[in-house]
Amino acid sequence: MSITDKKIDDLAHLARLEFTSNEKVNIKKDVTSIIAFCDKLAEVDTVHVEPLIYLSNEMNVLREDVVQKPLDKEAALKNAPLANSDYFKVPKVIKK
């Protein structure tokens, strides 16, 4: 597959990018090398290779889901740096 300037322009349009002529030359080289790498991967014989689903054979060790009494309001607010009688107080993060 040959990469033309038109294809670079089409890719730039789809990605909503703008390239200078200098940048187009570099992008064209990069895309050409990426396609060459993918073509090289297609040459590898994978007939007897099973698909990899998980990266390891380890299993997650999960604890039992046990229903417990939830924290009451006073216990939850006890260790809060700032709180009033009913709520956690946090710094304002949204400016109007």
PDB file of N, CA and C in Angstrom:
ATOM      1  N   MET A   1       0.850  -1.173   0.000  1.00  0.00           N
ATOM      2  CA  MET A   1       0.000   0.000   0.000  1.00  0.00           C
ATOM      3  C   MET A   1       0.893   1.232   0.000  1.00  0.00           C
ATOM      4  N   SER A   2       0.635   2.105  -0.922  1.00  0.00           N
ATOM      5  CA  SER A   2       1.436   3.325  -0.971  1.00  0.00           C
ATOM      6  C   SER A   2       0.656   4.460  -0.305  1.00  0.00           C
ATOM      7  N   ILE A   3       1.354   5.255   0.444  1.00  0.00           N
ATOM      8  CA  ILE A   3       0.747   6.378   1.141  1.00  0.00           C
ATOM      9  C   ILE A   3       0.984   7.632   0.309  1.00  0.00           C
ATOM     10  N   THR A   4      -0.101   8.241  -0.105  1.00  0.00           N
ATOM     11  CA  THR A   4       0.001   9.456  -0.907  1.00  0.00           C
ATOM     12  C   THR A   4      -0.331  10.665  -0.038  1.00  0.00           C
ATOM     13  N   ASP A   5      -0.044  11.829  -0.573  1.00  0.00           N
ATOM     14  CA  ASP A   5      -0.381  13.059   0.146  1.00  0.00           C
ATOM     15  C   ASP A   5      -1.895  13.194   0.329  1.00  0.00           C
ATOM     16  N   LYS A   6      -2.659  12.685  -0.646  1.00  0.00           N
ATOM     17  CA  LYS A   6      -4.116  12.740  -0.529  1.00  0.00           C
ATOM     18  C   LYS A   6      -4.583  11.892   0.650  1.00  0.00           C
ATOM     19  N   LYS A   7      -3.976  10.714   0.839  1.00  0.00           N
ATOM     20  CA  LYS A   7      -4.371   9.871   1.969  1.00  0.00           C
ATOM     21  C   LYS A   7      -4.029  10.544   3.297  1.00  0.00           C
ATOM     22  N   ILE A   8      -2.894  11.207   3.337  1.00  0.00           N
ATOM     23  CA  ILE A   8      -2.527  11.943   4.546  1.00  0.00           C
ATOM     24  C   ILE A   8      -3.526  13.068   4.797  1.00  0.00           C
ATOM     25  N   ASP A   9      -3.922  13.762   3.740  1.00  0.00           N
ATOM     26  CA  ASP A   9      -4.930  14.827   3.875  1.00  0.00           C
ATOM     27  C   ASP A   9      -6.269  14.259   4.344  1.00  0.00           C
ATOM     28  N   ASP A  10      -6.644  13.083   3.815  1.00  0.00           N
ATOM     29  CA  ASP A  10      -7.898  12.456   4.236  1.00  0.00           C
ATOM     30  C   ASP A  10      -7.843  12.047   5.706  1.00  0.00           C
ATOM     31  N   LEU A  11      -6.726  11.463   6.115  1.00  0.00           N
ATOM     32  CA  LEU A  11      -6.559  11.093   7.527  1.00  0.00           C
ATOM     33  C   LEU A  11      -6.592  12.323   8.431  1.00  0.00           C
ATOM     34  N   ALA A  12      -5.953  13.378   7.993  1.00  0.00           N
ATOM     35  CA  ALA A  12      -5.948  14.613   8.780  1.00  0.00           C
ATOM     36  C   ALA A  12      -7.360  15.167   8.905  1.00  0.00           C
ATOM     37  N   HIS A  13      -8.114  15.092   7.820  1.00  0.00           N
ATOM     38  CA  HIS A  13      -9.502  15.582   7.859  1.00  0.00           C
ATOM     39  C   HIS A  13     -10.345  14.740   8.820  1.00  0.00           C
ATOM     40  N   LEU A  14     -10.202  13.419   8.756  1.00  0.00           N
ATOM     41  CA  LEU A  14     -10.965  12.537   9.642  1.00  0.00           C
ATOM     42  C   LEU A  14     -10.608  12.767  11.113  1.00  0.00           C
ATOM     43  N   ALA A  15      -9.337  13.030  11.370  1.00  0.00           N
ATOM     44  CA  ALA A  15      -8.884  13.250  12.742  1.00  0.00           C
ATOM     45  C   ALA A  15      -9.013  14.705  13.169  1.00  0.00           C
ATOM     46  N   ARG A  16      -9.487  15.539  12.267  1.00  0.00           N
ATOM     47  CA  ARG A  16      -9.632  16.980  12.528  1.00  0.00           C
ATOM     48  C   ARG A  16      -8.288  17.591  12.940  1.00  0.00           C
ATOM     49  N   LEU A  17      -7.254  17.254  12.157  1.00  0.00           N
ATOM     50  CA  LEU A  17      -5.913  17.782  12.380  1.00  0.00           C
ATOM     51  C   LEU A  17      -5.477  18.593  11.174  1.00  0.00           C
ATOM     52  N   GLU A  18      -4.538  19.470  11.407  1.00  0.00           N
ATOM     53  CA  GLU A  18      -3.947  20.225  10.313  1.00  0.00           C
ATOM     54  C   GLU A  18      -2.431  20.049  10.379  1.00  0.00           C
ATOM     55  N   PHE A  19      -1.828  19.752   9.233  1.00  0.00           N
ATOM     56  CA  PHE A  19      -0.390  19.548   9.170  1.00  0.00           C
ATOM     57  C   PHE A  19       0.230  20.548   8.208  1.00  0.00           C
ATOM     58  N   THR A  20       1.415  21.009   8.547  1.00  0.00           N
ATOM     59  CA  THR A  20       2.180  21.804   7.596  1.00  0.00           C
ATOM     60  C   THR A  20       2.795  20.839   6.593  1.00  0.00           C
ATOM     61  N   SER A  21       3.365  21.365   5.532  1.00  0.00           N
ATOM     62  CA  SER A  21       3.966  20.483   4.522  1.00  0.00           C
ATOM     63  C   SER A  21       5.135  19.695   5.108  1.00  0.00           C
ATOM     64  N   ASN A  22       5.867  20.314   6.032  1.00  0.00           N
ATOM     65  CA  ASN A  22       6.967  19.614   6.707  1.00  0.00           C
ATOM     66  C   ASN A  22       6.437  18.462   7.558  1.00  0.00           C
ATOM     67  N   GLU A  23       5.366  18.728   8.280  1.00  0.00           N
ATOM     68  CA  GLU A  23       4.777  17.699   9.132  1.00  0.00           C
ATOM     69  C   GLU A  23       4.185  16.567   8.299  1.00  0.00           C
ATOM     70  N   LYS A  24       3.628  16.895   7.133  1.00  0.00           N
ATOM     71  CA  LYS A  24       3.066  15.867   6.261  1.00  0.00           C
ATOM     72  C   LYS A  24       4.128  14.865   5.831  1.00  0.00           C
ATOM     73  N   VAL A  25       5.326  15.367   5.549  1.00  0.00           N
ATOM     74  CA  VAL A  25       6.417  14.475   5.150  1.00  0.00           C
ATOM     75  C   VAL A  25       6.744  13.511   6.289  1.00  0.00           C
ATOM     76  N   ASN A  26       6.824  14.033   7.511  1.00  0.00           N
ATOM     77  CA  ASN A  26       7.119  13.170   8.659  1.00  0.00           C
ATOM     78  C   ASN A  26       5.987  12.183   8.933  1.00  0.00           C
ATOM     79  N   ILE A  27       4.743  12.638   8.826  1.00  0.00           N
ATOM     80  CA  ILE A  27       3.594  11.761   9.043  1.00  0.00           C
ATOM     81  C   ILE A  27       3.570  10.659   7.989  1.00  0.00           C
ATOM     82  N   LYS A  28       3.881  11.034   6.758  1.00  0.00           N
ATOM     83  CA  LYS A  28       3.900  10.047   5.673  1.00  0.00           C
ATOM     84  C   LYS A  28       4.940   8.965   5.949  1.00  0.00           C
ATOM     85  N   LYS A  29       6.124   9.355   6.435  1.00  0.00           N
ATOM     86  CA  LYS A  29       7.162   8.377   6.786  1.00  0.00           C
ATOM     87  C   LYS A  29       6.685   7.470   7.912  1.00  0.00           C
ATOM     88  N   ASP A  30       6.061   8.069   8.933  1.00  0.00           N
ATOM     89  CA  ASP A  30       5.594   7.293  10.080  1.00  0.00           C
ATOM     90  C   ASP A  30       4.511   6.295   9.679  1.00  0.00           C
ATOM     91  N   VAL A  31       3.551   6.748   8.900  1.00  0.00           N
ATOM     92  CA  VAL A  31       2.465   5.856   8.482  1.00  0.00           C
ATOM     93  C   VAL A  31       3.012   4.732   7.609  1.00  0.00           C
ATOM     94  N   THR A  32       3.961   5.050   6.738  1.00  0.00           N
ATOM     95  CA  THR A  32       4.571   4.032   5.890  1.00  0.00           C
ATOM     96  C   THR A  32       5.303   2.993   6.728  1.00  0.00           C
ATOM     97  N   SER A  33       6.019   3.419   7.757  1.00  0.00           N
ATOM     98  CA  SER A  33       6.730   2.457   8.604  1.00  0.00           C
ATOM     99  C   SER A  33       5.760   1.619   9.437  1.00  0.00           C
ATOM    100  N   ILE A  34       4.647   2.212   9.859  1.00  0.00           N
ATOM    101  CA  ILE A  34       3.643   1.450  10.613  1.00  0.00           C
ATOM    102  C   ILE A  34       3.027   0.368   9.723  1.00  0.00           C
ATOM    103  N   ILE A  35       2.705   0.725   8.502  1.00  0.00           N
ATOM    104  CA  ILE A  35       2.117  -0.257   7.578  1.00  0.00           C
ATOM    105  C   ILE A  35       3.125  -1.347   7.244  1.00  0.00           C
ATOM    106  N   ALA A  36       4.379  -0.990   7.092  1.00  0.00           N
ATOM    107  CA  ALA A  36       5.421  -1.991   6.827  1.00  0.00           C
ATOM    108  C   ALA A  36       5.548  -2.942   8.004  1.00  0.00           C
ATOM    109  N   PHE A  37       5.452  -2.431   9.225  1.00  0.00           N
ATOM    110  CA  PHE A  37       5.521  -3.278  10.410  1.00  0.00           C
ATOM    111  C   PHE A  37       4.328  -4.232  10.454  1.00  0.00           C
ATOM    112  N   CYS A  38       3.140  -3.733  10.142  1.00  0.00           N
ATOM    113  CA  CYS A  38       1.950  -4.590  10.136  1.00  0.00           C
ATOM    114  C   CYS A  38       2.061  -5.662   9.050  1.00  0.00           C
ATOM    115  N   ASP A  39       2.614  -5.311   7.908  1.00  0.00           N
ATOM    116  CA  ASP A  39       2.819  -6.301   6.849  1.00  0.00           C
ATOM    117  C   ASP A  39       3.807  -7.370   7.299  1.00  0.00           C
ATOM    118  N   LYS A  40       4.814  -6.970   8.058  1.00  0.00           N
ATOM    119  CA  LYS A  40       5.804  -7.919   8.577  1.00  0.00           C
ATOM    120  C   LYS A  40       5.137  -8.883   9.557  1.00  0.00           C
ATOM    121  N   LEU A  41       4.223  -8.373  10.382  1.00  0.00           N
ATOM    122  CA  LEU A  41       3.502  -9.226  11.319  1.00  0.00           C
ATOM    123  C   LEU A  41       2.618 -10.242  10.595  1.00  0.00           C
ATOM    124  N   ALA A  42       2.086  -9.856   9.448  1.00  0.00           N
ATOM    125  CA  ALA A  42       1.229 -10.756   8.677  1.00  0.00           C
ATOM    126  C   ALA A  42       2.015 -11.937   8.120  1.00  0.00           C
ATOM    127  N   GLU A  43       3.327 -11.818   8.010  1.00  0.00           N
ATOM    128  CA  GLU A  43       4.168 -12.899   7.489  1.00  0.00           C
ATOM    129  C   GLU A  43       4.426 -13.987   8.522  1.00  0.00           C
ATOM    130  N   VAL A  44       4.194 -13.704   9.790  1.00  0.00           N
ATOM    131  CA  VAL A  44       4.489 -14.668  10.849  1.00  0.00           C
ATOM    132  C   VAL A  44       3.492 -15.816  10.802  1.00  0.00           C
ATOM    133  N   ASP A  45       4.016 -17.049  10.888  1.00  0.00           N
ATOM    134  CA  ASP A  45       3.171 -18.236  10.862  1.00  0.00           C
ATOM    135  C   ASP A  45       2.547 -18.446  12.248  1.00  0.00           C
ATOM    136  N   THR A  46       1.234 -18.306  12.336  1.00  0.00           N
ATOM    137  CA  THR A  46       0.542 -18.451  13.623  1.00  0.00           C
ATOM    138  C   THR A  46      -0.467 -19.601  13.589  1.00  0.00           C
ATOM    139  N   VAL A  47      -0.246 -20.576  12.712  1.00  0.00           N
ATOM    140  CA  VAL A  47      -1.201 -21.668  12.550  1.00  0.00           C
ATOM    141  C   VAL A  47      -1.354 -22.474  13.836  1.00  0.00           C
ATOM    142  N   HIS A  48      -0.246 -22.793  14.503  1.00  0.00           N
ATOM    143  CA  HIS A  48      -0.294 -23.649  15.688  1.00  0.00           C
ATOM    144  C   HIS A  48      -0.240 -22.846  16.987  1.00  0.00           C
ATOM    145  N   VAL A  49      -0.550 -21.574  16.939  1.00  0.00           N
ATOM    146  CA  VAL A  49      -0.528 -20.731  18.133  1.00  0.00           C
ATOM    147  C   VAL A  49      -1.967 -20.504  18.578  1.00  0.00           C
ATOM    148  N   GLU A  50      -2.218 -20.861  19.840  1.00  0.00           N
ATOM    149  CA  GLU A  50      -3.562 -20.655  20.371  1.00  0.00           C
ATOM    150  C   GLU A  50      -3.762 -19.182  20.708  1.00  0.00           C
ATOM    151  N   PRO A  51      -4.971 -18.702  20.541  1.00  0.00           N
ATOM    152  CA  PRO A  51      -5.233 -17.292  20.879  1.00  0.00           C
ATOM    153  C   PRO A  51      -4.998 -17.032  22.363  1.00  0.00           C
ATOM    154  N   LEU A  52      -4.437 -15.883  22.665  1.00  0.00           N
ATOM    155  CA  LEU A  52      -4.172 -15.507  24.047  1.00  0.00           C
ATOM    156  C   LEU A  52      -5.370 -14.721  24.571  1.00  0.00           C
ATOM    157  N   ILE A  53      -5.998 -15.285  25.588  1.00  0.00           N
ATOM    158  CA  ILE A  53      -7.152 -14.612  26.168  1.00  0.00           C
ATOM    159  C   ILE A  53      -6.732 -13.860  27.423  1.00  0.00           C
ATOM    160  N   TYR A  54      -5.961 -14.524  28.284  1.00  0.00           N
ATOM    161  CA  TYR A  54      -5.501 -13.912  29.522  1.00  0.00           C
ATOM    162  C   TYR A  54      -3.976 -13.880  29.515  1.00  0.00           C
ATOM    163  N   LEU A  55      -3.389 -12.877  30.151  1.00  0.00           N
ATOM    164  CA  LEU A  55      -1.934 -12.757  30.163  1.00  0.00           C
ATOM    165  C   LEU A  55      -1.276 -13.703  31.148  1.00  0.00           C
ATOM    166  N   SER A  56      -2.019 -14.190  32.129  1.00  0.00           N
ATOM    167  CA  SER A  56      -1.453 -15.142  33.078  1.00  0.00           C
ATOM    168  C   SER A  56      -2.518 -16.153  33.458  1.00  0.00           C
ATOM    169  N   ASN A  57      -2.088 -17.226  34.099  1.00  0.00           N
ATOM    170  CA  ASN A  57      -3.023 -18.268  34.534  1.00  0.00           C
ATOM    171  C   ASN A  57      -3.508 -18.043  35.958  1.00  0.00           C
ATOM    172  N   GLU A  58      -3.126 -16.917  36.547  1.00  0.00           N
ATOM    173  CA  GLU A  58      -3.518 -16.622  37.925  1.00  0.00           C
ATOM    174  C   GLU A  58      -5.010 -16.337  38.001  1.00  0.00           C
ATOM    175  N   MET A  59      -5.597 -16.746  39.100  1.00  0.00           N
ATOM    176  CA  MET A  59      -7.015 -16.489  39.334  1.00  0.00           C
ATOM    177  C   MET A  59      -7.138 -15.457  40.444  1.00  0.00           C
ATOM    178  N   ASN A  60      -8.136 -14.598  40.353  1.00  0.00           N
ATOM    179  CA  ASN A  60      -8.389 -13.639  41.421  1.00  0.00           C
ATOM    180  C   ASN A  60      -8.892 -14.368  42.653  1.00  0.00           C
ATOM    181  N   VAL A  61      -8.362 -13.977  43.789  1.00  0.00           N
ATOM    182  CA  VAL A  61      -8.843 -14.518  45.048  1.00  0.00           C
ATOM    183  C   VAL A  61      -9.751 -13.457  45.646  1.00  0.00           C
ATOM    184  N   LEU A  62     -11.031 -13.770  45.665  1.00  0.00           N
ATOM    185  CA  LEU A  62     -12.008 -12.806  46.133  1.00  0.00           C
ATOM    186  C   LEU A  62     -12.511 -13.216  47.508  1.00  0.00           C
ATOM    187  N   ARG A  63     -12.784 -12.232  48.333  1.00  0.00           N
ATOM    188  CA  ARG A  63     -13.332 -12.534  49.655  1.00  0.00           C
ATOM    189  C   ARG A  63     -14.816 -12.811  49.522  1.00  0.00           C
ATOM    190  N   GLU A  64     -15.344 -13.480  50.515  1.00  0.00           N
ATOM    191  CA  GLU A  64     -16.774 -13.721  50.550  1.00  0.00           C
ATOM    192  C   GLU A  64     -17.499 -12.394  50.725  1.00  0.00           C
ATOM    193  N   ASP A  65     -18.631 -12.248  50.094  1.00  0.00           N
ATOM    194  CA  ASP A  65     -19.438 -11.051  50.228  1.00  0.00           C
ATOM    195  C   ASP A  65     -20.344 -11.227  51.439  1.00  0.00           C
ATOM    196  N   VAL A  66     -19.927 -10.614  52.538  1.00  0.00           N
ATOM    197  CA  VAL A  66     -20.657 -10.768  53.785  1.00  0.00           C
ATOM    198  C   VAL A  66     -21.350  -9.453  54.106  1.00  0.00           C
ATOM    199  N   VAL A  67     -22.624  -9.536  54.407  1.00  0.00           N
ATOM    200  CA  VAL A  67     -23.385  -8.349  54.757  1.00  0.00           C
ATOM    201  C   VAL A  67     -22.997  -7.925  56.169  1.00  0.00           C
ATOM    202  N   GLN A  68     -22.607  -6.665  56.318  1.00  0.00           N
ATOM    203  CA  GLN A  68     -22.233  -6.136  57.627  1.00  0.00           C
ATOM    204  C   GLN A  68     -23.034  -4.882  57.901  1.00  0.00           C
ATOM    205  N   LYS A  69     -23.030  -4.492  59.144  1.00  0.00           N
ATOM    206  CA  LYS A  69     -23.722  -3.271  59.533  1.00  0.00           C
ATOM    207  C   LYS A  69     -22.943  -2.081  58.961  1.00  0.00           C
ATOM    208  N   PRO A  70     -23.629  -1.173  58.258  1.00  0.00           N
ATOM    209  CA  PRO A  70     -22.913  -0.022  57.698  1.00  0.00           C
ATOM    210  C   PRO A  70     -22.526   0.975  58.789  1.00  0.00           C
ATOM    211  N   LEU A  71     -21.592   1.865  58.440  1.00  0.00           N
ATOM    212  CA  LEU A  71     -21.210   2.911  59.382  1.00  0.00           C
ATOM    213  C   LEU A  71     -22.378   3.857  59.600  1.00  0.00           C
ATOM    214  N   ASP A  72     -22.542   4.268  60.842  1.00  0.00           N
ATOM    215  CA  ASP A  72     -23.550   5.291  61.070  1.00  0.00           C
ATOM    216  C   ASP A  72     -22.940   6.653  60.737  1.00  0.00           C
ATOM    217  N   LYS A  73     -23.769   7.673  60.680  1.00  0.00           N
ATOM    218  CA  LYS A  73     -23.338   8.995  60.244  1.00  0.00           C
ATOM    219  C   LYS A  73     -22.229   9.548  61.131  1.00  0.00           C
ATOM    220  N   GLU A  74     -22.349   9.404  62.429  1.00  0.00           N
ATOM    221  CA  GLU A  74     -21.348   9.948  63.353  1.00  0.00           C
ATOM    222  C   GLU A  74     -19.989   9.269  63.154  1.00  0.00           C
ATOM    223  N   ALA A  75     -19.975   7.949  62.981  1.00  0.00           N
ATOM    224  CA  ALA A  75     -18.715   7.223  62.790  1.00  0.00           C
ATOM    225  C   ALA A  75     -18.065   7.607  61.459  1.00  0.00           C
ATOM    226  N   ALA A  76     -18.871   7.803  60.422  1.00  0.00           N
ATOM    227  CA  ALA A  76     -18.325   8.163  59.117  1.00  0.00           C
ATOM    228  C   ALA A  76     -17.713   9.564  59.150  1.00  0.00           C
ATOM    229  N   LEU A  77     -18.355  10.488  59.862  1.00  0.00           N
ATOM    230  CA  LEU A  77     -17.868  11.866  59.914  1.00  0.00           C
ATOM    231  C   LEU A  77     -16.770  12.071  60.950  1.00  0.00           C
ATOM    232  N   LYS A  78     -16.542  11.088  61.801  1.00  0.00           N
ATOM    233  CA  LYS A  78     -15.586  11.218  62.910  1.00  0.00           C
ATOM    234  C   LYS A  78     -14.169  11.543  62.425  1.00  0.00           C
ATOM    235  N   ASN A  79     -13.699  10.898  61.370  1.00  0.00           N
ATOM    236  CA  ASN A  79     -12.325  11.091  60.892  1.00  0.00           C
ATOM    237  C   ASN A  79     -12.222  12.085  59.734  1.00  0.00           C
ATOM    238  N   ALA A  80     -13.315  12.722  59.390  1.00  0.00           N
ATOM    239  CA  ALA A  80     -13.281  13.693  58.297  1.00  0.00           C
ATOM    240  C   ALA A  80     -12.527  14.937  58.739  1.00  0.00           C
ATOM    241  N   PRO A  81     -11.648  15.490  57.874  1.00  0.00           N
ATOM    242  CA  PRO A  81     -10.923  16.700  58.251  1.00  0.00           C
ATOM    243  C   PRO A  81     -11.857  17.887  58.485  1.00  0.00           C
ATOM    244  N   LEU A  82     -12.888  17.999  57.672  1.00  0.00           N
ATOM    245  CA  LEU A  82     -13.891  19.052  57.832  1.00  0.00           C
ATOM    246  C   LEU A  82     -15.271  18.434  57.679  1.00  0.00           C
ATOM    247  N   ALA A  83     -16.140  18.720  58.638  1.00  0.00           N
ATOM    248  CA  ALA A  83     -17.501  18.211  58.562  1.00  0.00           C
ATOM    249  C   ALA A  83     -18.387  19.084  59.423  1.00  0.00           C
ATOM    250  N   ASN A  84     -19.667  19.103  59.083  1.00  0.00           N
ATOM    251  CA  ASN A  84     -20.614  19.715  59.999  1.00  0.00           C
ATOM    252  C   ASN A  84     -21.429  18.575  60.590  1.00  0.00           C
ATOM    253  N   SER A  85     -22.565  18.819  61.125  1.00  0.00           N
ATOM    254  CA  SER A  85     -23.297  17.754  61.798  1.00  0.00           C
ATOM    255  C   SER A  85     -23.836  16.693  60.840  1.00  0.00           C
ATOM    256  N   ASP A  86     -23.995  17.027  59.564  1.00  0.00           N
ATOM    257  CA  ASP A  86     -24.611  16.074  58.645  1.00  0.00           C
ATOM    258  C   ASP A  86     -23.764  15.685  57.429  1.00  0.00           C
ATOM    259  N   TYR A  87     -22.778  16.513  57.026  1.00  0.00           N
ATOM    260  CA  TYR A  87     -22.108  16.309  55.751  1.00  0.00           C
ATOM    261  C   TYR A  87     -20.598  16.488  55.863  1.00  0.00           C
ATOM    262  N   PHE A  88     -19.879  15.878  54.889  1.00  0.00           N
ATOM    263  CA  PHE A  88     -18.464  16.147  54.720  1.00  0.00           C
ATOM    264  C   PHE A  88     -18.336  17.526  54.093  1.00  0.00           C
ATOM    265  N   LYS A  89     -17.347  18.288  54.523  1.00  0.00           N
ATOM    266  CA  LYS A  89     -17.076  19.576  53.889  1.00  0.00           C
ATOM    267  C   LYS A  89     -15.832  19.415  53.033  1.00  0.00           C
ATOM    268  N   VAL A  90     -15.928  19.876  51.786  1.00  0.00           N
ATOM    269  CA  VAL A  90     -14.788  19.796  50.862  1.00  0.00           C
ATOM    270  C   VAL A  90     -14.588  21.157  50.235  1.00  0.00           C
ATOM    271  N   PRO A  91     -13.369  21.427  49.760  1.00  0.00           N
ATOM    272  CA  PRO A  91     -13.129  22.708  49.094  1.00  0.00           C
ATOM    273  C   PRO A  91     -13.978  22.823  47.829  1.00  0.00           C
ATOM    274  N   LYS A  92     -14.343  24.046  47.504  1.00  0.00           N
ATOM    275  CA  LYS A  92     -15.129  24.300  46.308  1.00  0.00           C
ATOM    276  C   LYS A  92     -14.263  24.018  45.075  1.00  0.00           C
ATOM    277  N   VAL A  93     -14.790  23.234  44.137  1.00  0.00           N
ATOM    278  CA  VAL A  93     -14.020  22.885  42.939  1.00  0.00           C
ATOM    279  C   VAL A  93     -14.647  23.428  41.663  1.00  0.00           C
ATOM    280  N   ILE A  94     -15.881  23.833  41.724  1.00  0.00           N
ATOM    281  CA  ILE A  94     -16.557  24.359  40.532  1.00  0.00           C
ATOM    282  C   ILE A  94     -16.747  25.856  40.735  1.00  0.00           C
ATOM    283  N   LYS A  95     -16.218  26.614  39.794  1.00  0.00           N
ATOM    284  CA  LYS A  95     -16.359  28.067  39.855  1.00  0.00           C
ATOM    285  C   LYS A  95     -17.428  28.504  38.862  1.00  0.00           C
ATOM    286  N   LYS A  96     -18.286  29.376  39.277  1.00  0.00           N
ATOM    287  CA  LYS A  96     -19.344  29.861  38.384  1.00  0.00           C
ATOM    288  C   LYS A  96     -18.973  31.185  37.786  1.00  0.00           C
TER     289      LYS A  96
END
